[in-house]
Each structure stands twice: as C-alpha cells, then as structure tokens.
Amino acid sequence: MVEPKESQHFEFYSPGSSEELIPLRESPIYTEDRIGLKTLDEAGKLHFISIDGDHLQFSTDWFVENIVKIYLN
C-alpha cells in the first residue's frame, strides 16, 4: 500500500505533517523541474490516469482504449 495514495501522482505530505499534502505543482520536485515533470506539463505531455478499483485491476479492453490507442499509436 502506498501512503499517501496521492504520491502515485507525485504529491506527498508537507514536512512534519501526516495529514497536509503538498500539491504536485507546488512541490520542489515540480517547481525546480528535478525530473522533468514541469517541462512535460508545460508541453501538455503530463497526463494522470485513474481508474476505480483495486491496484492494477483493469481489463484488457480498458488498457487498449485508454493507453495503447492514445499513447502508443
């Protein structure tokens, strides 16, 4: 289990807090463009995809429609 769940989208707790989250676009990893997230975002190439359900429990049809056809063709 990832804690906090928002860390899957590069958000994490504020220093010293176990409740307050720092939104991605306000975090140093983004504002200082440490791994290129800001550059990707400004170019319109940063996408966050979510699906309801358990971790990695998606259908092949969903994967083809939402990943393969959009990002791999």
C-alpha atoms as a PDB file:
ATOM      1  CA  MET A   1       0.000   0.000   0.000  1.00  0.00           C
ATOM      2  CA  VAL A   2       1.348   3.392  -0.984  1.00  0.00           C
ATOM      3  CA  GLU A   3       0.973   6.089   1.649  1.00  0.00           C
ATOM      4  CA  PRO A   4      -0.303   8.643   0.940  1.00  0.00           C
ATOM      5  CA  LYS A   5      -2.233   7.395  -2.070  1.00  0.00           C
ATOM      6  CA  GLU A   6      -1.679  10.804  -3.713  1.00  0.00           C
ATOM      7  CA  SER A   7       2.022  10.007  -4.009  1.00  0.00           C
ATOM      8  CA  GLN A   8       1.119   7.971  -7.086  1.00  0.00           C
ATOM      9  CA  HIS A   9       0.733  11.381  -8.734  1.00  0.00           C
ATOM     10  CA  PHE A  10       3.867  12.876  -7.133  1.00  0.00           C
ATOM     11  CA  GLU A  11       2.088  14.536  -4.199  1.00  0.00           C
ATOM     12  CA  PHE A  12       3.350  13.971  -0.659  1.00  0.00           C
ATOM     13  CA  TYR A  13       2.918  15.134   2.907  1.00  0.00           C
ATOM     14  CA  SER A  14       4.071  18.572   3.922  1.00  0.00           C
ATOM     15  CA  PRO A  15       7.293  18.302   6.001  1.00  0.00           C
ATOM     16  CA  GLY A  16       6.423  17.356   9.582  1.00  0.00           C
ATOM     17  CA  SER A  17       2.799  16.545   8.762  1.00  0.00           C
ATOM     18  CA  SER A  18       0.998  13.266   8.345  1.00  0.00           C
ATOM     19  CA  GLU A  19      -2.161  14.908   7.005  1.00  0.00           C
ATOM     20  CA  GLU A  20      -1.415  18.050   4.966  1.00  0.00           C
ATOM     21  CA  LEU A  21      -0.468  17.307   1.356  1.00  0.00           C
ATOM     22  CA  ILE A  22       1.645  19.427  -0.966  1.00  0.00           C
ATOM     23  CA  PRO A  23       0.013  19.520  -4.411  1.00  0.00           C
ATOM     24  CA  LEU A  24       2.303  18.443  -7.231  1.00  0.00           C
ATOM     25  CA  ARG A  25       2.518  21.873  -8.855  1.00  0.00           C
ATOM     26  CA  GLU A  26       3.613  23.419  -5.535  1.00  0.00           C
ATOM     27  CA  SER A  27       6.257  20.806  -4.716  1.00  0.00           C
ATOM     28  CA  PRO A  28      10.014  21.265  -5.211  1.00  0.00           C
ATOM     29  CA  ILE A  29      10.193  18.201  -7.475  1.00  0.00           C
ATOM     30  CA  TYR A  30       7.866  20.109  -9.841  1.00  0.00           C
ATOM     31  CA  THR A  31       8.816  23.772  -9.331  1.00  0.00           C
ATOM     32  CA  GLU A  32      12.536  23.010  -9.633  1.00  0.00           C
ATOM     33  CA  ASP A  33      11.816  20.620 -12.516  1.00  0.00           C
ATOM     34  CA  ARG A  34      14.042  17.981 -10.902  1.00  0.00           C
ATOM     35  CA  ILE A  35      12.851  15.096 -13.088  1.00  0.00           C
ATOM     36  CA  GLY A  36      11.175  16.989 -15.926  1.00  0.00           C
ATOM     37  CA  LEU A  37       7.567  16.966 -14.707  1.00  0.00           C
ATOM     38  CA  LYS A  38       7.184  20.736 -15.127  1.00  0.00           C
ATOM     39  CA  THR A  39       8.641  20.593 -18.635  1.00  0.00           C
ATOM     40  CA  LEU A  40       6.275  17.769 -19.588  1.00  0.00           C
ATOM     41  CA  ASP A  41       3.312  19.607 -18.046  1.00  0.00           C
ATOM     42  CA  GLU A  42       4.069  22.868 -19.841  1.00  0.00           C
ATOM     43  CA  ALA A  43       4.299  20.950 -23.110  1.00  0.00           C
ATOM     44  CA  GLY A  44       0.908  19.328 -22.463  1.00  0.00           C
ATOM     45  CA  LYS A  45       2.524  15.899 -22.123  1.00  0.00           C
ATOM     46  CA  LEU A  46       1.897  15.176 -18.441  1.00  0.00           C
ATOM     47  CA  HIS A  47      -1.192  13.012 -18.045  1.00  0.00           C
ATOM     48  CA  PHE A  48      -2.629  11.404 -14.926  1.00  0.00           C
ATOM     49  CA  ILE A  49      -4.956   8.482 -15.471  1.00  0.00           C
ATOM     50  CA  SER A  50      -7.070   6.947 -12.731  1.00  0.00           C
ATOM     51  CA  ILE A  51      -9.453   4.049 -12.677  1.00  0.00           C
ATOM     52  CA  ASP A  52     -11.767   2.905  -9.913  1.00  0.00           C
ATOM     53  CA  GLY A  53     -10.975  -0.446  -8.352  1.00  0.00           C
ATOM     54  CA  ASP A  54      -8.048  -2.321  -6.912  1.00  0.00           C
ATOM     55  CA  HIS A  55      -4.452  -1.670  -7.879  1.00  0.00           C
ATOM     56  CA  LEU A  56      -3.677  -2.900 -11.405  1.00  0.00           C
ATOM     57  CA  GLN A  57      -7.138  -4.439 -11.776  1.00  0.00           C
ATOM     58  CA  PHE A  58      -8.208  -3.231 -15.199  1.00  0.00           C
ATOM     59  CA  SER A  59      -9.456  -5.036 -18.249  1.00  0.00           C
ATOM     60  CA  THR A  60      -7.519  -5.556 -21.440  1.00  0.00           C
ATOM     61  CA  ASP A  61     -10.199  -3.558 -23.255  1.00  0.00           C
ATOM     62  CA  TRP A  62      -9.736  -0.603 -20.870  1.00  0.00           C
ATOM     63  CA  PHE A  63      -5.951  -0.774 -21.328  1.00  0.00           C
ATOM     64  CA  VAL A  64      -6.188  -0.819 -25.115  1.00  0.00           C
ATOM     65  CA  GLU A  65      -8.718   2.050 -25.233  1.00  0.00           C
ATOM     66  CA  ASN A  66      -7.049   4.291 -22.622  1.00  0.00           C
ATOM     67  CA  ILE A  67      -3.343   3.556 -23.065  1.00  0.00           C
ATOM     68  CA  VAL A  68      -2.493   1.801 -26.307  1.00  0.00           C
ATOM     69  CA  LYS A  69      -4.763   3.765 -28.660  1.00  0.00           C
ATOM     70  CA  ILE A  70      -3.922   7.106 -27.066  1.00  0.00           C
ATOM     71  CA  TYR A  71      -0.233   6.890 -26.215  1.00  0.00           C
ATOM     72  CA  LEU A  72       1.228   4.042 -28.268  1.00  0.00           C
ATOM     73  CA  ASN A  73      -0.223   4.567 -31.733  1.00  0.00           C
END
